[in-house]
Amino acid sequence: MGSETGIRWCVLTIGHLSRNPFWGEDDDVPRRPPLCTSALVRAGDAVVLVDPPLPPGEMPALLDRRAGLRTGDVTHVFLTHFHREHRAGIEAFPGALWQMSDAEWVYRDRRLAADAPERDLLRRIQTVRAEGSENWPLLHTVHLPGHTPGLSGLLFDDKDGWRVVIASDAVVTRDFFDVTEGCSTSDDRDQARATIERLHGLADIILPGHDNVFWNRHARVK
């Protein structure tokens, strides 16, 4: 994952959509189980896993393959939002702090039925500010609403000096970014577009929610 100084990060999984309209697939007919793009970020003593993508039993092997780590090495699990495929493996990390933005927590708390099984999980998650810098050294949460009202990503400068944003489903895939459009399941399509427009000037490197990492063509590359 790079040198021993500065923020180091790696992609754990390259995700995909259950159906992709840019491939000519019907947006109303799922074709495959979705998989989210996940990342691991090291900032000081913090080892932050963003959006654990696989079932708990599969997370140890994924961490070993991609980072040479054990589940107990992860200090924080950050959920960009509460959609199921973005929290699939969270229970593999009982010793880590589970975190999510306060805006997304409130949104989910209002929507969940009183007896929903997800409510117990939600209650175990610690909230952080939807946008701020007090949570970890050199890591900033950034509020990226539209797909959900409370979705938050992570913004940081990596060890090579590039500004990176882990955008999750604020940018579903590069194709959606290029046309400045949210997906059909976005809670607010207009807000999703406004968020992508903000991202045009926010970072050099974008890590989307269901695609590979890519350079932001709107940014001024060094």
C-alpha atoms as a PDB file:
ATOM      1  CA  MET A   1       0.000   0.000   0.000  1.00  0.00           C
ATOM      2  CA  GLY A   2       2.939   2.348  -0.432  1.00  0.00           C
ATOM      3  CA  SER A   3       5.370   4.104   1.877  1.00  0.00           C
ATOM      4  CA  GLU A   4       5.153   4.371   5.650  1.00  0.00           C
ATOM      5  CA  THR A   5       4.306   8.096   5.596  1.00  0.00           C
ATOM      6  CA  GLY A   6       1.211   9.938   4.442  1.00  0.00           C
ATOM      7  CA  ILE A   7      -2.203   8.517   3.681  1.00  0.00           C
ATOM      8  CA  ARG A   8      -2.060   5.184   1.913  1.00  0.00           C
ATOM      9  CA  TRP A   9      -5.063   3.521   0.379  1.00  0.00           C
ATOM     10  CA  CYS A  10      -6.082   0.678  -1.859  1.00  0.00           C
ATOM     11  CA  VAL A  11      -9.174  -0.597  -3.620  1.00  0.00           C
ATOM     12  CA  LEU A  12     -10.480  -3.816  -2.073  1.00  0.00           C
ATOM     13  CA  THR A  13     -13.178  -4.616  -4.638  1.00  0.00           C
ATOM     14  CA  ILE A  14     -14.168  -3.109  -7.979  1.00  0.00           C
ATOM     15  CA  GLY A  15     -17.927  -3.095  -7.883  1.00  0.00           C
ATOM     16  CA  HIS A  16     -20.649  -3.461 -10.498  1.00  0.00           C
ATOM     17  CA  LEU A  17     -24.334  -2.661 -10.851  1.00  0.00           C
ATOM     18  CA  SER A  18     -27.184  -5.139 -10.861  1.00  0.00           C
ATOM     19  CA  ARG A  19     -28.143  -3.610 -14.224  1.00  0.00           C
ATOM     20  CA  ASN A  20     -26.345  -0.936 -16.177  1.00  0.00           C
ATOM     21  CA  PRO A  21     -28.334   1.288 -18.553  1.00  0.00           C
ATOM     22  CA  PHE A  22     -25.116   2.361 -20.295  1.00  0.00           C
ATOM     23  CA  TRP A  23     -24.732  -1.252 -21.427  1.00  0.00           C
ATOM     24  CA  GLY A  24     -28.237  -1.268 -22.907  1.00  0.00           C
ATOM     25  CA  GLU A  25     -29.683  -3.196 -19.957  1.00  0.00           C
ATOM     26  CA  ASP A  26     -33.265  -2.615 -18.827  1.00  0.00           C
ATOM     27  CA  ASP A  27     -33.137  -0.399 -15.738  1.00  0.00           C
ATOM     28  CA  ASP A  28     -36.140  -2.245 -14.273  1.00  0.00           C
ATOM     29  CA  VAL A  29     -34.728  -5.782 -14.583  1.00  0.00           C
ATOM     30  CA  PRO A  30     -31.823  -6.867 -12.309  1.00  0.00           C
ATOM     31  CA  ARG A  31     -29.274  -8.953 -14.192  1.00  0.00           C
ATOM     32  CA  ARG A  32     -26.791  -9.839 -11.421  1.00  0.00           C
ATOM     33  CA  PRO A  33     -26.278  -9.307  -7.692  1.00  0.00           C
ATOM     34  CA  PRO A  34     -24.786  -5.856  -7.112  1.00  0.00           C
ATOM     35  CA  LEU A  35     -21.311  -5.425  -5.640  1.00  0.00           C
ATOM     36  CA  CYS A  36     -20.050  -2.156  -4.241  1.00  0.00           C
ATOM     37  CA  THR A  37     -16.574  -0.744  -4.698  1.00  0.00           C
ATOM     38  CA  SER A  38     -14.733  -0.827  -1.380  1.00  0.00           C
ATOM     39  CA  ALA A  39     -11.513   0.757  -0.140  1.00  0.00           C
ATOM     40  CA  LEU A  40      -9.070   0.590   2.729  1.00  0.00           C
ATOM     41  CA  VAL A  41      -7.447   3.805   3.956  1.00  0.00           C
ATOM     42  CA  ARG A  42      -4.529   4.108   6.392  1.00  0.00           C
ATOM     43  CA  ALA A  43      -4.255   7.499   8.099  1.00  0.00           C
ATOM     44  CA  GLY A  44      -1.896   7.612  11.061  1.00  0.00           C
ATOM     45  CA  ASP A  45      -2.916   4.825  13.425  1.00  0.00           C
ATOM     46  CA  ALA A  46      -6.361   4.537  11.849  1.00  0.00           C
ATOM     47  CA  VAL A  47      -7.119   1.698   9.437  1.00  0.00           C
ATOM     48  CA  VAL A  48     -10.455   2.618   7.866  1.00  0.00           C
ATOM     49  CA  LEU A  49     -12.442   0.142   5.795  1.00  0.00           C
ATOM     50  CA  VAL A  50     -15.010   1.921   3.629  1.00  0.00           C
ATOM     51  CA  ASP A  51     -18.181  -0.018   2.749  1.00  0.00           C
ATOM     52  CA  PRO A  52     -17.391  -3.698   3.553  1.00  0.00           C
ATOM     53  CA  PRO A  53     -18.657  -5.389   0.382  1.00  0.00           C
ATOM     54  CA  LEU A  54     -18.709  -9.157   1.001  1.00  0.00           C
ATOM     55  CA  PRO A  55     -20.468 -11.410   3.528  1.00  0.00           C
ATOM     56  CA  PRO A  56     -18.666 -11.552   6.901  1.00  0.00           C
ATOM     57  CA  GLY A  57     -17.187 -14.993   6.220  1.00  0.00           C
ATOM     58  CA  GLU A  58     -15.498 -13.725   3.043  1.00  0.00           C
ATOM     59  CA  MET A  59     -14.020 -10.524   4.458  1.00  0.00           C
ATOM     60  CA  PRO A  60     -10.892 -12.081   6.074  1.00  0.00           C
ATOM     61  CA  ALA A  61      -9.692 -13.564   2.786  1.00  0.00           C
ATOM     62  CA  LEU A  62     -10.399 -10.308   0.930  1.00  0.00           C
ATOM     63  CA  LEU A  63      -8.371  -8.271   3.426  1.00  0.00           C
ATOM     64  CA  ASP A  64      -5.500 -10.747   3.232  1.00  0.00           C
ATOM     65  CA  ARG A  65      -5.483 -10.753  -0.589  1.00  0.00           C
ATOM     66  CA  ARG A  66      -5.628  -6.998  -1.019  1.00  0.00           C
ATOM     67  CA  ALA A  67      -3.797  -5.630   2.022  1.00  0.00           C
ATOM     68  CA  GLY A  68      -2.156  -8.458   3.959  1.00  0.00           C
ATOM     69  CA  LEU A  69      -4.281  -7.575   6.988  1.00  0.00           C
ATOM     70  CA  ARG A  70      -6.518  -9.398   9.420  1.00  0.00           C
ATOM     71  CA  THR A  71      -9.994  -8.242  10.370  1.00  0.00           C
ATOM     72  CA  GLY A  72      -8.692  -7.280  13.816  1.00  0.00           C
ATOM     73  CA  ASP A  73      -6.296  -4.781  12.220  1.00  0.00           C
ATOM     74  CA  VAL A  74      -9.220  -2.634  11.042  1.00  0.00           C
ATOM     75  CA  THR A  75      -9.883   0.176  13.524  1.00  0.00           C
ATOM     76  CA  HIS A  76     -12.867   1.820  11.801  1.00  0.00           C
ATOM     77  CA  VAL A  77     -15.575   0.706   9.400  1.00  0.00           C
ATOM     78  CA  PHE A  78     -17.095   3.685   7.618  1.00  0.00           C
ATOM     79  CA  LEU A  79     -20.403   3.289   5.800  1.00  0.00           C
ATOM     80  CA  THR A  80     -20.971   5.904   3.124  1.00  0.00           C
ATOM     81  CA  HIS A  81     -24.682   5.123   3.371  1.00  0.00           C
ATOM     82  CA  PHE A  82     -26.920   2.330   4.675  1.00  0.00           C
ATOM     83  CA  HIS A  83     -27.766   0.447   1.486  1.00  0.00           C
ATOM     84  CA  ARG A  84     -27.385  -3.270   1.995  1.00  0.00           C
ATOM     85  CA  GLU A  85     -24.551  -3.979  -0.461  1.00  0.00           C
ATOM     86  CA  HIS A  86     -22.447  -1.242   1.165  1.00  0.00           C
ATOM     87  CA  ARG A  87     -22.628  -2.840   4.624  1.00  0.00           C
ATOM     88  CA  ALA A  88     -22.661  -6.536   3.718  1.00  0.00           C
ATOM     89  CA  GLY A  89     -19.582  -7.490   5.741  1.00  0.00           C
ATOM     90  CA  ILE A  90     -19.759  -5.109   8.684  1.00  0.00           C
ATOM     91  CA  GLU A  91     -20.282  -7.851  11.255  1.00  0.00           C
ATOM     92  CA  ALA A  92     -16.837  -9.284  10.446  1.00  0.00           C
ATOM     93  CA  PHE A  93     -15.382  -6.342  12.421  1.00  0.00           C
ATOM     94  CA  PRO A  94     -16.790  -6.497  15.965  1.00  0.00           C
ATOM     95  CA  GLY A  95     -13.713  -4.784  17.424  1.00  0.00           C
ATOM     96  CA  ALA A  96     -13.773  -1.782  15.078  1.00  0.00           C
ATOM     97  CA  LEU A  97     -15.734   1.437  15.449  1.00  0.00           C
ATOM     98  CA  TRP A  98     -18.680   1.382  13.052  1.00  0.00           C
ATOM     99  CA  GLN A  99     -19.340   4.858  11.725  1.00  0.00           C
ATOM    100  CA  MET A 100     -21.711   6.647   9.372  1.00  0.00           C
ATOM    101  CA  SER A 101     -22.739  10.256   8.869  1.00  0.00           C
ATOM    102  CA  ASP A 102     -25.259  11.730  11.267  1.00  0.00           C
ATOM    103  CA  ALA A 103     -27.423  12.820   8.328  1.00  0.00           C
ATOM    104  CA  GLU A 104     -27.659   9.266   6.969  1.00  0.00           C
ATOM    105  CA  TRP A 105     -28.279   7.837  10.444  1.00  0.00           C
ATOM    106  CA  VAL A 106     -31.229  10.166  11.045  1.00  0.00           C
ATOM    107  CA  TYR A 107     -32.613   9.471   7.578  1.00  0.00           C
ATOM    108  CA  ARG A 108     -32.491   5.701   8.114  1.00  0.00           C
ATOM    109  CA  ASP A 109     -33.827   5.906  11.653  1.00  0.00           C
ATOM    110  CA  ARG A 110     -36.908   7.693  10.361  1.00  0.00           C
ATOM    111  CA  ARG A 111     -37.485   5.204   7.567  1.00  0.00           C
ATOM    112  CA  LEU A 112     -36.985   1.906   9.387  1.00  0.00           C
ATOM    113  CA  ALA A 113     -39.981   0.160  10.881  1.00  0.00           C
ATOM    114  CA  ALA A 114     -39.838  -0.266  14.657  1.00  0.00           C
ATOM    115  CA  ASP A 115     -39.281  -4.022  14.349  1.00  0.00           C
ATOM    116  CA  ALA A 116     -36.951  -3.937  11.324  1.00  0.00           C
ATOM    117  CA  PRO A 117     -33.903  -6.213  11.806  1.00  0.00           C
ATOM    118  CA  GLU A 118     -31.695  -3.434  10.478  1.00  0.00           C
ATOM    119  CA  ARG A 119     -32.612  -1.239  13.460  1.00  0.00           C
ATOM    120  CA  ASP A 120     -30.379  -3.202  15.858  1.00  0.00           C
ATOM    121  CA  LEU A 121     -27.493  -2.799  13.416  1.00  0.00           C
ATOM    122  CA  LEU A 122     -28.176   0.904  13.034  1.00  0.00           C
ATOM    123  CA  ARG A 123     -28.094   1.392  16.804  1.00  0.00           C
ATOM    124  CA  ARG A 124     -24.547  -0.009  16.942  1.00  0.00           C
ATOM    125  CA  ILE A 125     -23.231   2.603  14.516  1.00  0.00           C
ATOM    126  CA  GLN A 126     -21.513   5.718  15.837  1.00  0.00           C
ATOM    127  CA  THR A 127     -22.346   8.924  14.000  1.00  0.00           C
ATOM    128  CA  VAL A 128     -19.842  11.399  12.614  1.00  0.00           C
ATOM    129  CA  ARG A 129     -20.474  14.762  11.026  1.00  0.00           C
ATOM    130  CA  ALA A 130     -21.644  14.489   7.429  1.00  0.00           C
ATOM    131  CA  GLU A 131     -18.951  16.988   6.507  1.00  0.00           C
ATOM    132  CA  GLY A 132     -15.972  17.684   8.711  1.00  0.00           C
ATOM    133  CA  SER A 133     -12.397  16.892   9.637  1.00  0.00           C
ATOM    134  CA  GLU A 134     -12.455  15.943  13.298  1.00  0.00           C
ATOM    135  CA  ASN A 135     -13.014  12.206  12.856  1.00  0.00           C
ATOM    136  CA  TRP A 136      -9.569  10.932  11.788  1.00  0.00           C
ATOM    137  CA  PRO A 137      -6.179  12.528  11.117  1.00  0.00           C
ATOM    138  CA  LEU A 138      -5.993  14.034   7.607  1.00  0.00           C
ATOM    139  CA  LEU A 139      -9.317  12.458   6.551  1.00  0.00           C
ATOM    140  CA  HIS A 140     -12.393  14.575   5.889  1.00  0.00           C
ATOM    141  CA  THR A 141     -15.971  13.485   5.543  1.00  0.00           C
ATOM    142  CA  VAL A 142     -17.760  15.218   2.679  1.00  0.00           C
ATOM    143  CA  HIS A 143     -21.554  15.350   2.387  1.00  0.00           C
ATOM    144  CA  LEU A 144     -22.649  14.105  -1.053  1.00  0.00           C
ATOM    145  CA  PRO A 145     -26.464  13.968  -1.006  1.00  0.00           C
ATOM    146  CA  GLY A 146     -28.736  12.877  -3.829  1.00  0.00           C
ATOM    147  CA  HIS A 147     -28.464   9.114  -3.971  1.00  0.00           C
ATOM    148  CA  THR A 148     -29.542   9.245  -0.341  1.00  0.00           C
ATOM    149  CA  PRO A 149     -29.970  12.441   1.701  1.00  0.00           C
ATOM    150  CA  GLY A 150     -27.187  11.545   4.105  1.00  0.00           C
ATOM    151  CA  LEU A 151     -24.564   9.910   1.901  1.00  0.00           C
ATOM    152  CA  SER A 152     -21.055  11.024   2.860  1.00  0.00           C
ATOM    153  CA  GLY A 153     -17.728  10.170   1.277  1.00  0.00           C
ATOM    154  CA  LEU A 154     -14.133  10.567   2.393  1.00  0.00           C
ATOM    155  CA  LEU A 155     -11.766  13.215   1.057  1.00  0.00           C
ATOM    156  CA  PHE A 156      -7.996  13.181   1.554  1.00  0.00           C
ATOM    157  CA  ASP A 157      -4.614  13.912   0.005  1.00  0.00           C
ATOM    158  CA  ASP A 158      -2.739  10.683  -0.578  1.00  0.00           C
ATOM    159  CA  LYS A 159       0.971   9.994  -0.115  1.00  0.00           C
ATOM    160  CA  ASP A 160       1.661  11.105  -3.714  1.00  0.00           C
ATOM    161  CA  GLY A 161      -0.105  14.441  -3.259  1.00  0.00           C
ATOM    162  CA  TRP A 162      -3.239  13.608  -5.235  1.00  0.00           C
ATOM    163  CA  ARG A 163      -6.587  14.654  -3.809  1.00  0.00           C
ATOM    164  CA  VAL A 164      -8.855  11.618  -3.615  1.00  0.00           C
ATOM    165  CA  VAL A 165     -12.562  11.369  -2.903  1.00  0.00           C
ATOM    166  CA  ILE A 166     -14.240   8.081  -2.069  1.00  0.00           C
ATOM    167  CA  ALA A 167     -17.587   9.101  -3.505  1.00  0.00           C
ATOM    168  CA  SER A 168     -19.557   5.855  -3.306  1.00  0.00           C
ATOM    169  CA  ASP A 169     -22.963   6.088  -4.979  1.00  0.00           C
ATOM    170  CA  ALA A 170     -22.802   9.843  -5.323  1.00  0.00           C
ATOM    171  CA  VAL A 171     -20.967   8.678  -8.452  1.00  0.00           C
ATOM    172  CA  VAL A 172     -22.343   5.259  -9.309  1.00  0.00           C
ATOM    173  CA  THR A 173     -19.982   4.633 -12.250  1.00  0.00           C
ATOM    174  CA  ARG A 174     -17.735   6.732 -14.450  1.00  0.00           C
ATOM    175  CA  ASP A 175     -20.427   6.868 -17.125  1.00  0.00           C
ATOM    176  CA  PHE A 176     -22.849   8.531 -14.703  1.00  0.00           C
ATOM    177  CA  PHE A 177     -20.114  11.012 -13.738  1.00  0.00           C
ATOM    178  CA  ASP A 178     -19.355  11.862 -17.371  1.00  0.00           C
ATOM    179  CA  VAL A 179     -22.986  12.732 -18.102  1.00  0.00           C
ATOM    180  CA  THR A 180     -23.547  14.356 -14.669  1.00  0.00           C
ATOM    181  CA  GLU A 181     -26.465  12.122 -13.794  1.00  0.00           C
ATOM    182  CA  GLY A 182     -27.663  10.124 -10.792  1.00  0.00           C
ATOM    183  CA  CYS A 183     -28.996   6.614 -11.201  1.00  0.00           C
ATOM    184  CA  SER A 184     -32.673   5.664 -11.262  1.00  0.00           C
ATOM    185  CA  THR A 185     -32.608   4.653  -7.580  1.00  0.00           C
ATOM    186  CA  SER A 186     -31.339   8.054  -6.435  1.00  0.00           C
ATOM    187  CA  ASP A 187     -33.568   9.629  -3.826  1.00  0.00           C
ATOM    188  CA  ASP A 188     -33.298  13.053  -5.492  1.00  0.00           C
ATOM    189  CA  ARG A 189     -32.011  13.142  -9.074  1.00  0.00           C
ATOM    190  CA  ASP A 190     -31.615  16.948  -9.143  1.00  0.00           C
ATOM    191  CA  GLN A 191     -29.564  16.865  -5.965  1.00  0.00           C
ATOM    192  CA  ALA A 192     -27.528  13.974  -7.343  1.00  0.00           C
ATOM    193  CA  ARG A 193     -26.629  16.092 -10.386  1.00  0.00           C
ATOM    194  CA  ALA A 194     -25.658  19.037  -8.166  1.00  0.00           C
ATOM    195  CA  THR A 195     -23.414  16.773  -6.103  1.00  0.00           C
ATOM    196  CA  ILE A 196     -21.623  15.474  -9.200  1.00  0.00           C
ATOM    197  CA  GLU A 197     -21.128  19.048 -10.362  1.00  0.00           C
ATOM    198  CA  ARG A 198     -19.510  19.802  -7.009  1.00  0.00           C
ATOM    199  CA  LEU A 199     -17.268  16.755  -7.386  1.00  0.00           C
ATOM    200  CA  HIS A 200     -16.038  18.081 -10.739  1.00  0.00           C
ATOM    201  CA  GLY A 201     -13.913  20.558  -8.811  1.00  0.00           C
ATOM    202  CA  LEU A 202     -13.266  18.640  -5.609  1.00  0.00           C
ATOM    203  CA  ALA A 203     -10.638  15.979  -6.314  1.00  0.00           C
ATOM    204  CA  ASP A 204      -8.169  14.581  -8.829  1.00  0.00           C
ATOM    205  CA  ILE A 205      -9.166  10.951  -8.304  1.00  0.00           C
ATOM    206  CA  ILE A 206     -12.704   9.605  -7.912  1.00  0.00           C
ATOM    207  CA  LEU A 207     -13.574   6.245  -6.394  1.00  0.00           C
ATOM    208  CA  PRO A 208     -17.179   5.539  -7.439  1.00  0.00           C
ATOM    209  CA  GLY A 209     -19.711   3.242  -5.820  1.00  0.00           C
ATOM    210  CA  HIS A 210     -19.877   0.484  -8.453  1.00  0.00           C
ATOM    211  CA  ASP A 211     -16.923   0.937 -10.812  1.00  0.00           C
ATOM    212  CA  ASN A 212     -13.144   1.242 -10.932  1.00  0.00           C
ATOM    213  CA  VAL A 213     -11.242   4.297  -9.721  1.00  0.00           C
ATOM    214  CA  PHE A 214     -10.736   7.001 -12.365  1.00  0.00           C
ATOM    215  CA  TRP A 215      -9.109  10.385 -12.985  1.00  0.00           C
ATOM    216  CA  ASN A 216     -11.406  13.360 -12.811  1.00  0.00           C
ATOM    217  CA  ARG A 217     -11.175  14.926 -16.256  1.00  0.00           C
ATOM    218  CA  HIS A 218     -12.558  18.215 -14.870  1.00  0.00           C
ATOM    219  CA  ALA A 219      -9.701  18.615 -12.369  1.00  0.00           C
ATOM    220  CA  ARG A 220      -6.420  20.278 -13.182  1.00  0.00           C
ATOM    221  CA  VAL A 221      -3.995  17.358 -13.278  1.00  0.00           C
ATOM    222  CA  LYS A 222      -0.465  18.037 -12.032  1.00  0.00           C
END
